[in-house]
Amino acid sequence: MDSSLQGIIGQIARLRELANEWLGRELERRAIEGIQPAHGTVLAFLFKQQSPVPIKEIVDQVRRVKSTVTGMVNTLERHGYVRKIPSDDDGRVVYVELTEKGCALRADFDEISERLLSTVYGEMSGKDRESLARLLCQLEKNLRVSCHGGRA
C-alpha cells in the first residue's frame, strides 16, 4: 500500500477501481442489467426529482461533461430506466425522467449505496469521515480551479 503523499492520485484511482468492481458484483448479484457504477450519480439525482429535468441540470449536478452525461442518459434510456422528452419551447433542450422501471431501482440503489459506504468506511469514526470528505473536496476544488482557469 502506497500511503505517500506523492501516491494520492494513484490511490484515489485504485479506490475508484475497487469501488466499481464491488458495485459491478453487487449489480450482477441482484441481476440488474444495463447499469454501470458510473450511472449512480445520475440515478441518485433523478431519484430526488419530482418532474422531468433538463440534461443541462443533470450535467451541473453530477459535475461531468455534457457528452459523458448524455452517453449515460442514452444508455439508461436504451435499457428502459429513463425517458427523454424534447422541450416544446426549445429544440435544444431535452428533459429526462425516470420510467417505472427506473423508479423500481430505488430500493436496490439505496441498499447498495448504504452497503458500499459501510464497507468503505468500516470502523472509521464520524470525525475522520468528515475530515476525509472535506479534504477530498479541497483536492477536487484545487484541480478544478487549475483546470478551469480560476473557476471552481
N, C-alpha and C. Protein backbone atom coordinates (compact mmCIF):
# COMPACT_ATOMS: atom_id res chain seq x y z
N MET A 1 0.85 -1.18 0.00
CA MET A 1 0.00 0.00 0.00
C MET A 1 0.89 1.24 0.00
N ASP A 2 0.66 2.14 -0.95
CA ASP A 2 1.44 3.37 -1.06
C ASP A 2 0.68 4.48 -0.37
N SER A 3 1.13 4.86 0.83
CA SER A 3 0.44 5.92 1.55
C SER A 3 1.24 7.22 1.50
N SER A 4 2.20 7.28 0.60
CA SER A 4 3.00 8.50 0.48
C SER A 4 2.14 9.63 -0.09
N LEU A 5 2.54 10.83 0.22
CA LEU A 5 1.80 11.98 -0.29
C LEU A 5 1.82 12.02 -1.82
N GLN A 6 2.91 11.56 -2.43
CA GLN A 6 3.01 11.56 -3.88
C GLN A 6 2.08 10.53 -4.52
N GLY A 7 1.67 9.51 -3.78
CA GLY A 7 0.86 8.44 -4.34
C GLY A 7 -0.64 8.65 -4.24
N ILE A 8 -1.08 9.83 -3.82
CA ILE A 8 -2.50 10.05 -3.54
C ILE A 8 -3.39 9.89 -4.79
N ILE A 9 -2.97 10.39 -5.93
CA ILE A 9 -3.79 10.28 -7.14
C ILE A 9 -3.93 8.82 -7.55
N GLY A 10 -2.84 8.08 -7.51
CA GLY A 10 -2.91 6.65 -7.81
C GLY A 10 -3.80 5.92 -6.82
N GLN A 11 -3.71 6.31 -5.57
CA GLN A 11 -4.53 5.66 -4.54
C GLN A 11 -6.02 5.94 -4.77
N ILE A 12 -6.34 7.17 -5.14
CA ILE A 12 -7.73 7.52 -5.44
C ILE A 12 -8.21 6.71 -6.64
N ALA A 13 -7.36 6.56 -7.65
CA ALA A 13 -7.72 5.77 -8.83
C ALA A 13 -7.97 4.31 -8.44
N ARG A 14 -7.12 3.77 -7.56
CA ARG A 14 -7.31 2.38 -7.12
C ARG A 14 -8.59 2.23 -6.30
N LEU A 15 -8.89 3.21 -5.46
CA LEU A 15 -10.15 3.18 -4.69
C LEU A 15 -11.36 3.17 -5.62
N ARG A 16 -11.29 4.01 -6.64
CA ARG A 16 -12.40 4.07 -7.60
C ARG A 16 -12.56 2.73 -8.32
N GLU A 17 -11.44 2.17 -8.73
CA GLU A 17 -11.47 0.88 -9.42
C GLU A 17 -12.06 -0.21 -8.53
N LEU A 18 -11.64 -0.26 -7.28
CA LEU A 18 -12.16 -1.26 -6.35
C LEU A 18 -13.65 -1.04 -6.05
N ALA A 19 -14.04 0.22 -5.90
CA ALA A 19 -15.46 0.53 -5.65
C ALA A 19 -16.30 0.11 -6.85
N ASN A 20 -15.82 0.39 -8.05
CA ASN A 20 -16.54 0.00 -9.26
C ASN A 20 -16.64 -1.52 -9.38
N GLU A 21 -15.56 -2.22 -9.01
CA GLU A 21 -15.59 -3.68 -9.02
C GLU A 21 -16.63 -4.20 -8.03
N TRP A 22 -16.64 -3.63 -6.84
CA TRP A 22 -17.60 -4.02 -5.80
C TRP A 22 -19.03 -3.78 -6.29
N LEU A 23 -19.25 -2.58 -6.85
CA LEU A 23 -20.58 -2.23 -7.36
C LEU A 23 -21.00 -3.16 -8.49
N GLY A 24 -20.09 -3.44 -9.40
CA GLY A 24 -20.40 -4.33 -10.51
C GLY A 24 -20.85 -5.71 -10.04
N ARG A 25 -20.13 -6.24 -9.05
CA ARG A 25 -20.52 -7.54 -8.48
C ARG A 25 -21.89 -7.47 -7.82
N GLU A 26 -22.16 -6.38 -7.12
CA GLU A 26 -23.44 -6.22 -6.43
C GLU A 26 -24.59 -6.09 -7.44
N LEU A 27 -24.38 -5.36 -8.50
CA LEU A 27 -25.41 -5.23 -9.54
C LEU A 27 -25.66 -6.58 -10.21
N GLU A 28 -24.60 -7.30 -10.47
CA GLU A 28 -24.72 -8.63 -11.08
C GLU A 28 -25.45 -9.59 -10.15
N ARG A 29 -25.11 -9.54 -8.87
CA ARG A 29 -25.75 -10.41 -7.87
C ARG A 29 -27.25 -10.18 -7.81
N ARG A 30 -27.65 -8.93 -8.04
CA ARG A 30 -29.07 -8.58 -8.00
C ARG A 30 -29.73 -8.66 -9.37
N ALA A 31 -28.98 -9.12 -10.37
CA ALA A 31 -29.47 -9.26 -11.74
C ALA A 31 -29.99 -7.95 -12.30
N ILE A 32 -29.32 -6.85 -11.97
CA ILE A 32 -29.67 -5.54 -12.52
C ILE A 32 -28.81 -5.34 -13.76
N GLU A 33 -29.46 -5.26 -14.91
CA GLU A 33 -28.74 -5.18 -16.18
C GLU A 33 -28.79 -3.78 -16.76
N GLY A 34 -27.73 -3.43 -17.48
CA GLY A 34 -27.68 -2.16 -18.18
C GLY A 34 -27.22 -0.99 -17.33
N ILE A 35 -26.93 -1.25 -16.08
CA ILE A 35 -26.47 -0.19 -15.18
C ILE A 35 -24.98 -0.40 -14.91
N GLN A 36 -24.23 0.68 -15.03
CA GLN A 36 -22.81 0.67 -14.70
C GLN A 36 -22.63 1.53 -13.44
N PRO A 37 -21.57 1.29 -12.68
CA PRO A 37 -21.36 2.10 -11.48
C PRO A 37 -21.41 3.61 -11.73
N ALA A 38 -20.91 4.05 -12.88
CA ALA A 38 -20.91 5.49 -13.18
C ALA A 38 -22.32 6.07 -13.29
N HIS A 39 -23.32 5.24 -13.54
CA HIS A 39 -24.69 5.72 -13.65
C HIS A 39 -25.28 6.14 -12.30
N GLY A 40 -24.61 5.75 -11.23
CA GLY A 40 -25.14 6.02 -9.89
C GLY A 40 -25.40 7.47 -9.61
N THR A 41 -24.51 8.36 -10.03
CA THR A 41 -24.71 9.79 -9.73
C THR A 41 -25.92 10.33 -10.47
N VAL A 42 -26.12 9.89 -11.70
CA VAL A 42 -27.29 10.33 -12.48
C VAL A 42 -28.57 9.81 -11.83
N LEU A 43 -28.58 8.53 -11.49
CA LEU A 43 -29.76 7.95 -10.87
C LEU A 43 -30.06 8.61 -9.52
N ALA A 44 -29.03 8.83 -8.72
CA ALA A 44 -29.23 9.47 -7.41
C ALA A 44 -29.90 10.83 -7.58
N PHE A 45 -29.46 11.60 -8.56
CA PHE A 45 -30.06 12.91 -8.81
C PHE A 45 -31.51 12.76 -9.27
N LEU A 46 -31.77 11.84 -10.20
CA LEU A 46 -33.12 11.66 -10.72
C LEU A 46 -34.09 11.14 -9.66
N PHE A 47 -33.61 10.33 -8.74
CA PHE A 47 -34.48 9.83 -7.66
C PHE A 47 -35.03 10.98 -6.82
N LYS A 48 -34.32 12.10 -6.76
CA LYS A 48 -34.74 13.24 -5.93
C LYS A 48 -35.71 14.18 -6.66
N GLN A 49 -35.91 13.96 -7.95
CA GLN A 49 -36.72 14.88 -8.75
C GLN A 49 -38.20 14.50 -8.74
N GLN A 50 -39.04 15.52 -8.78
CA GLN A 50 -40.49 15.31 -8.82
C GLN A 50 -41.05 15.44 -10.23
N SER A 51 -40.23 15.97 -11.13
CA SER A 51 -40.66 16.17 -12.52
C SER A 51 -39.44 16.05 -13.42
N PRO A 52 -39.67 15.96 -14.74
CA PRO A 52 -38.54 15.86 -15.67
C PRO A 52 -37.59 17.05 -15.53
N VAL A 53 -36.30 16.78 -15.72
CA VAL A 53 -35.28 17.83 -15.62
C VAL A 53 -34.47 17.89 -16.90
N PRO A 54 -34.01 19.08 -17.28
CA PRO A 54 -33.15 19.18 -18.47
C PRO A 54 -31.82 18.47 -18.25
N ILE A 55 -31.29 17.90 -19.32
CA ILE A 55 -29.97 17.25 -19.23
C ILE A 55 -28.94 18.22 -18.66
N LYS A 56 -29.03 19.48 -19.02
CA LYS A 56 -28.09 20.50 -18.51
C LYS A 56 -28.07 20.52 -16.99
N GLU A 57 -29.23 20.35 -16.37
CA GLU A 57 -29.30 20.35 -14.90
C GLU A 57 -28.59 19.11 -14.33
N ILE A 58 -28.72 17.99 -15.01
CA ILE A 58 -28.02 16.77 -14.58
C ILE A 58 -26.51 17.00 -14.69
N VAL A 59 -26.08 17.57 -15.81
CA VAL A 59 -24.66 17.87 -16.02
C VAL A 59 -24.13 18.73 -14.87
N ASP A 60 -24.87 19.77 -14.52
CA ASP A 60 -24.44 20.68 -13.46
C ASP A 60 -24.38 19.97 -12.11
N GLN A 61 -25.32 19.10 -11.84
CA GLN A 61 -25.39 18.43 -10.54
C GLN A 61 -24.34 17.33 -10.38
N VAL A 62 -24.11 16.56 -11.43
CA VAL A 62 -23.16 15.44 -11.30
C VAL A 62 -21.73 15.85 -11.64
N ARG A 63 -21.58 17.08 -12.13
CA ARG A 63 -20.27 17.67 -12.44
C ARG A 63 -19.43 16.79 -13.36
N ARG A 64 -20.08 16.36 -14.42
CA ARG A 64 -19.39 15.64 -15.50
C ARG A 64 -19.65 16.42 -16.78
N VAL A 65 -18.85 16.18 -17.82
CA VAL A 65 -19.05 16.90 -19.08
C VAL A 65 -20.34 16.43 -19.75
N LYS A 66 -20.90 17.31 -20.55
CA LYS A 66 -22.21 17.04 -21.16
C LYS A 66 -22.21 15.76 -22.00
N SER A 67 -21.15 15.54 -22.77
CA SER A 67 -21.11 14.34 -23.62
C SER A 67 -21.13 13.06 -22.78
N THR A 68 -20.47 13.08 -21.63
CA THR A 68 -20.47 11.92 -20.73
C THR A 68 -21.86 11.67 -20.17
N VAL A 69 -22.50 12.74 -19.70
CA VAL A 69 -23.85 12.61 -19.13
C VAL A 69 -24.83 12.18 -20.21
N THR A 70 -24.71 12.75 -21.40
CA THR A 70 -25.61 12.36 -22.49
C THR A 70 -25.45 10.88 -22.82
N GLY A 71 -24.21 10.40 -22.84
CA GLY A 71 -23.97 8.98 -23.08
C GLY A 71 -24.60 8.11 -21.99
N MET A 72 -24.46 8.53 -20.73
CA MET A 72 -25.06 7.77 -19.63
C MET A 72 -26.58 7.76 -19.74
N VAL A 73 -27.17 8.91 -20.05
CA VAL A 73 -28.62 9.00 -20.19
C VAL A 73 -29.09 8.13 -21.36
N ASN A 74 -28.36 8.15 -22.47
CA ASN A 74 -28.73 7.31 -23.61
C ASN A 74 -28.70 5.83 -23.26
N THR A 75 -27.68 5.42 -22.50
CA THR A 75 -27.60 4.02 -22.06
C THR A 75 -28.77 3.68 -21.15
N LEU A 76 -29.05 4.55 -20.19
CA LEU A 76 -30.17 4.31 -19.28
C LEU A 76 -31.50 4.27 -20.03
N GLU A 77 -31.62 5.10 -21.05
CA GLU A 77 -32.84 5.09 -21.86
C GLU A 77 -32.94 3.78 -22.66
N ARG A 78 -31.85 3.36 -23.25
CA ARG A 78 -31.83 2.14 -24.05
C ARG A 78 -32.26 0.92 -23.21
N HIS A 79 -31.95 0.96 -21.92
CA HIS A 79 -32.31 -0.16 -21.04
C HIS A 79 -33.64 0.07 -20.32
N GLY A 80 -34.31 1.17 -20.66
CA GLY A 80 -35.65 1.40 -20.14
C GLY A 80 -35.75 2.03 -18.77
N TYR A 81 -34.66 2.60 -18.25
CA TYR A 81 -34.67 3.19 -16.92
C TYR A 81 -35.07 4.67 -16.92
N VAL A 82 -34.84 5.35 -18.02
CA VAL A 82 -35.23 6.77 -18.14
C VAL A 82 -35.90 7.00 -19.49
N ARG A 83 -36.58 8.12 -19.56
CA ARG A 83 -37.21 8.55 -20.81
C ARG A 83 -36.75 9.97 -21.08
N LYS A 84 -36.43 10.26 -22.33
CA LYS A 84 -36.06 11.61 -22.75
C LYS A 84 -37.31 12.27 -23.37
N ILE A 85 -37.49 13.54 -23.02
CA ILE A 85 -38.65 14.28 -23.51
C ILE A 85 -38.15 15.58 -24.13
N PRO A 86 -38.38 15.77 -25.44
CA PRO A 86 -37.95 17.03 -26.06
C PRO A 86 -38.79 18.19 -25.54
N SER A 87 -38.16 19.34 -25.40
CA SER A 87 -38.86 20.54 -24.96
C SER A 87 -39.80 21.03 -26.05
N ASP A 88 -40.98 21.47 -25.66
CA ASP A 88 -41.92 22.06 -26.61
C ASP A 88 -41.48 23.46 -27.00
N ASP A 89 -40.71 24.12 -26.12
CA ASP A 89 -40.34 25.52 -26.33
C ASP A 89 -38.99 25.72 -27.00
N ASP A 90 -38.07 24.79 -26.80
CA ASP A 90 -36.71 24.98 -27.29
C ASP A 90 -36.17 23.64 -27.79
N GLY A 91 -35.93 23.53 -29.07
CA GLY A 91 -35.47 22.29 -29.68
C GLY A 91 -34.12 21.81 -29.18
N ARG A 92 -33.36 22.69 -28.52
CA ARG A 92 -32.05 22.31 -28.00
C ARG A 92 -32.14 21.65 -26.62
N VAL A 93 -33.31 21.75 -25.99
CA VAL A 93 -33.46 21.26 -24.62
C VAL A 93 -34.15 19.90 -24.61
N VAL A 94 -33.56 18.98 -23.87
CA VAL A 94 -34.15 17.66 -23.69
C VAL A 94 -34.29 17.42 -22.19
N TYR A 95 -35.48 16.99 -21.79
CA TYR A 95 -35.75 16.67 -20.39
C TYR A 95 -35.58 15.16 -20.18
N VAL A 96 -35.29 14.80 -18.93
CA VAL A 96 -35.11 13.39 -18.58
C VAL A 96 -35.92 13.09 -17.34
N GLU A 97 -36.56 11.92 -17.34
CA GLU A 97 -37.26 11.47 -16.14
C GLU A 97 -37.11 9.96 -16.03
N LEU A 98 -37.26 9.46 -14.82
CA LEU A 98 -37.22 8.02 -14.59
C LEU A 98 -38.49 7.38 -15.12
N THR A 99 -38.37 6.19 -15.65
CA THR A 99 -39.54 5.40 -16.03
C THR A 99 -39.96 4.60 -14.80
N GLU A 100 -41.01 3.84 -14.94
CA GLU A 100 -41.44 2.96 -13.85
C GLU A 100 -40.31 1.98 -13.50
N LYS A 101 -39.66 1.45 -14.53
CA LYS A 101 -38.54 0.52 -14.31
C LYS A 101 -37.41 1.22 -13.57
N GLY A 102 -37.14 2.47 -13.92
CA GLY A 102 -36.11 3.24 -13.23
C GLY A 102 -36.47 3.50 -11.77
N CYS A 103 -37.71 3.86 -11.53
CA CYS A 103 -38.17 4.11 -10.16
C CYS A 103 -38.07 2.84 -9.32
N ALA A 104 -38.27 1.70 -9.95
CA ALA A 104 -38.23 0.42 -9.24
C ALA A 104 -36.82 0.09 -8.73
N LEU A 105 -35.80 0.78 -9.25
CA LEU A 105 -34.42 0.56 -8.81
C LEU A 105 -34.14 1.19 -7.45
N ARG A 106 -35.00 2.08 -7.01
CA ARG A 106 -34.72 2.91 -5.83
C ARG A 106 -34.33 2.10 -4.60
N ALA A 107 -35.09 1.08 -4.26
CA ALA A 107 -34.78 0.31 -3.05
C ALA A 107 -33.42 -0.37 -3.16
N ASP A 108 -33.15 -1.01 -4.30
CA ASP A 108 -31.84 -1.64 -4.51
C ASP A 108 -30.73 -0.59 -4.46
N PHE A 109 -30.96 0.52 -5.11
CA PHE A 109 -29.96 1.60 -5.16
C PHE A 109 -29.62 2.07 -3.75
N ASP A 110 -30.65 2.33 -2.94
CA ASP A 110 -30.41 2.80 -1.58
C ASP A 110 -29.66 1.76 -0.75
N GLU A 111 -30.05 0.51 -0.89
CA GLU A 111 -29.40 -0.56 -0.13
C GLU A 111 -27.95 -0.74 -0.56
N ILE A 112 -27.71 -0.74 -1.87
CA ILE A 112 -26.35 -0.88 -2.38
C ILE A 112 -25.49 0.29 -1.91
N SER A 113 -26.01 1.50 -1.99
CA SER A 113 -25.26 2.69 -1.56
C SER A 113 -24.89 2.60 -0.09
N GLU A 114 -25.85 2.19 0.73
CA GLU A 114 -25.61 2.07 2.17
C GLU A 114 -24.54 1.01 2.46
N ARG A 115 -24.63 -0.12 1.78
CA ARG A 115 -23.65 -1.20 1.99
C ARG A 115 -22.25 -0.77 1.52
N LEU A 116 -22.19 -0.06 0.39
CA LEU A 116 -20.89 0.39 -0.11
C LEU A 116 -20.24 1.34 0.90
N LEU A 117 -21.00 2.32 1.37
CA LEU A 117 -20.44 3.27 2.33
C LEU A 117 -19.99 2.57 3.61
N SER A 118 -20.78 1.63 4.07
CA SER A 118 -20.43 0.88 5.26
C SER A 118 -19.14 0.09 5.04
N THR A 119 -19.00 -0.48 3.86
CA THR A 119 -17.79 -1.24 3.52
C THR A 119 -16.58 -0.32 3.42
N VAL A 120 -16.75 0.80 2.73
CA VAL A 120 -15.64 1.73 2.51
C VAL A 120 -15.16 2.33 3.84
N TYR A 121 -16.09 2.80 4.64
CA TYR A 121 -15.71 3.47 5.89
C TYR A 121 -15.33 2.50 7.00
N GLY A 122 -15.86 1.29 6.97
CA GLY A 122 -15.52 0.32 8.01
C GLY A 122 -15.74 0.91 9.39
N GLU A 123 -14.72 0.84 10.22
CA GLU A 123 -14.81 1.32 11.61
C GLU A 123 -14.35 2.78 11.76
N MET A 124 -14.14 3.49 10.66
CA MET A 124 -13.67 4.87 10.72
C MET A 124 -14.67 5.73 11.50
N SER A 125 -14.16 6.58 12.36
CA SER A 125 -15.03 7.44 13.17
C SER A 125 -15.74 8.48 12.30
N GLY A 126 -16.84 8.99 12.82
CA GLY A 126 -17.57 10.04 12.12
C GLY A 126 -16.71 11.26 11.87
N LYS A 127 -15.88 11.60 12.85
CA LYS A 127 -14.98 12.76 12.71
C LYS A 127 -13.99 12.53 11.57
N ASP A 128 -13.43 11.33 11.51
CA ASP A 128 -12.48 11.01 10.43
C ASP A 128 -13.17 11.00 9.07
N ARG A 129 -14.40 10.51 9.03
CA ARG A 129 -15.17 10.51 7.77
C ARG A 129 -15.37 11.94 7.28
N GLU A 130 -15.75 12.82 8.19
CA GLU A 130 -15.96 14.23 7.83
C GLU A 130 -14.66 14.88 7.36
N SER A 131 -13.57 14.59 8.06
CA SER A 131 -12.28 15.15 7.66
C SER A 131 -11.86 14.66 6.29
N LEU A 132 -12.03 13.37 6.05
CA LEU A 132 -11.68 12.80 4.75
C LEU A 132 -12.50 13.46 3.65
N ALA A 133 -13.81 13.57 3.84
CA ALA A 133 -14.68 14.19 2.83
C ALA A 133 -14.27 15.63 2.57
N ARG A 134 -13.98 16.37 3.64
CA ARG A 134 -13.58 17.77 3.49
C ARG A 134 -12.27 17.89 2.71
N LEU A 135 -11.30 17.03 3.04
CA LEU A 135 -10.00 17.08 2.37
C LEU A 135 -10.10 16.67 0.89
N LEU A 136 -10.90 15.66 0.60
CA LEU A 136 -11.09 15.26 -0.80
C LEU A 136 -11.78 16.37 -1.60
N CYS A 137 -12.74 17.05 -0.98
CA CYS A 137 -13.39 18.19 -1.65
C CYS A 137 -12.37 19.28 -1.95
N GLN A 138 -11.45 19.50 -1.03
CA GLN A 138 -10.41 20.51 -1.26
C GLN A 138 -9.51 20.11 -2.41
N LEU A 139 -9.13 18.83 -2.49
CA LEU A 139 -8.31 18.36 -3.61
C LEU A 139 -9.04 18.57 -4.93
N GLU A 140 -10.33 18.21 -4.95
CA GLU A 140 -11.12 18.40 -6.18
C GLU A 140 -11.18 19.87 -6.55
N LYS A 141 -11.42 20.72 -5.58
CA LYS A 141 -11.50 22.17 -5.84
C LYS A 141 -10.18 22.68 -6.41
N ASN A 142 -9.07 22.25 -5.81
CA ASN A 142 -7.75 22.69 -6.29
C ASN A 142 -7.56 22.33 -7.77
N LEU A 143 -7.88 21.10 -8.12
CA LEU A 143 -7.72 20.67 -9.51
C LEU A 143 -8.71 21.37 -10.43
N ARG A 144 -9.95 21.54 -9.98
CA ARG A 144 -10.96 22.21 -10.79
C ARG A 144 -10.53 23.65 -11.10
N VAL A 145 -10.01 24.36 -10.10
CA VAL A 145 -9.56 25.73 -10.30
C VAL A 145 -8.40 25.76 -11.30
N SER A 146 -7.48 24.82 -11.15
CA SER A 146 -6.32 24.77 -12.04
C SER A 146 -6.75 24.45 -13.48
N CYS A 147 -7.70 23.53 -13.62
CA CYS A 147 -8.14 23.12 -14.96
C CYS A 147 -9.03 24.15 -15.64
N HIS A 148 -9.76 24.90 -14.85
CA HIS A 148 -10.76 25.81 -15.43
C HIS A 148 -10.39 27.27 -15.24
N GLY A 149 -9.12 27.56 -15.18
CA GLY A 149 -8.65 28.94 -15.17
C GLY A 149 -9.15 29.78 -14.02
N GLY A 150 -9.14 29.23 -12.82
CA GLY A 150 -9.52 30.01 -11.65
C GLY A 150 -10.96 29.83 -11.21
N ARG A 151 -11.77 29.08 -11.99
CA ARG A 151 -13.18 28.86 -11.62
C ARG A 151 -13.29 27.51 -10.92
N ALA A 152 -13.84 27.49 -9.74
CA ALA A 152 -14.08 26.23 -9.04
C ALA A 152 -15.35 25.64 -9.56
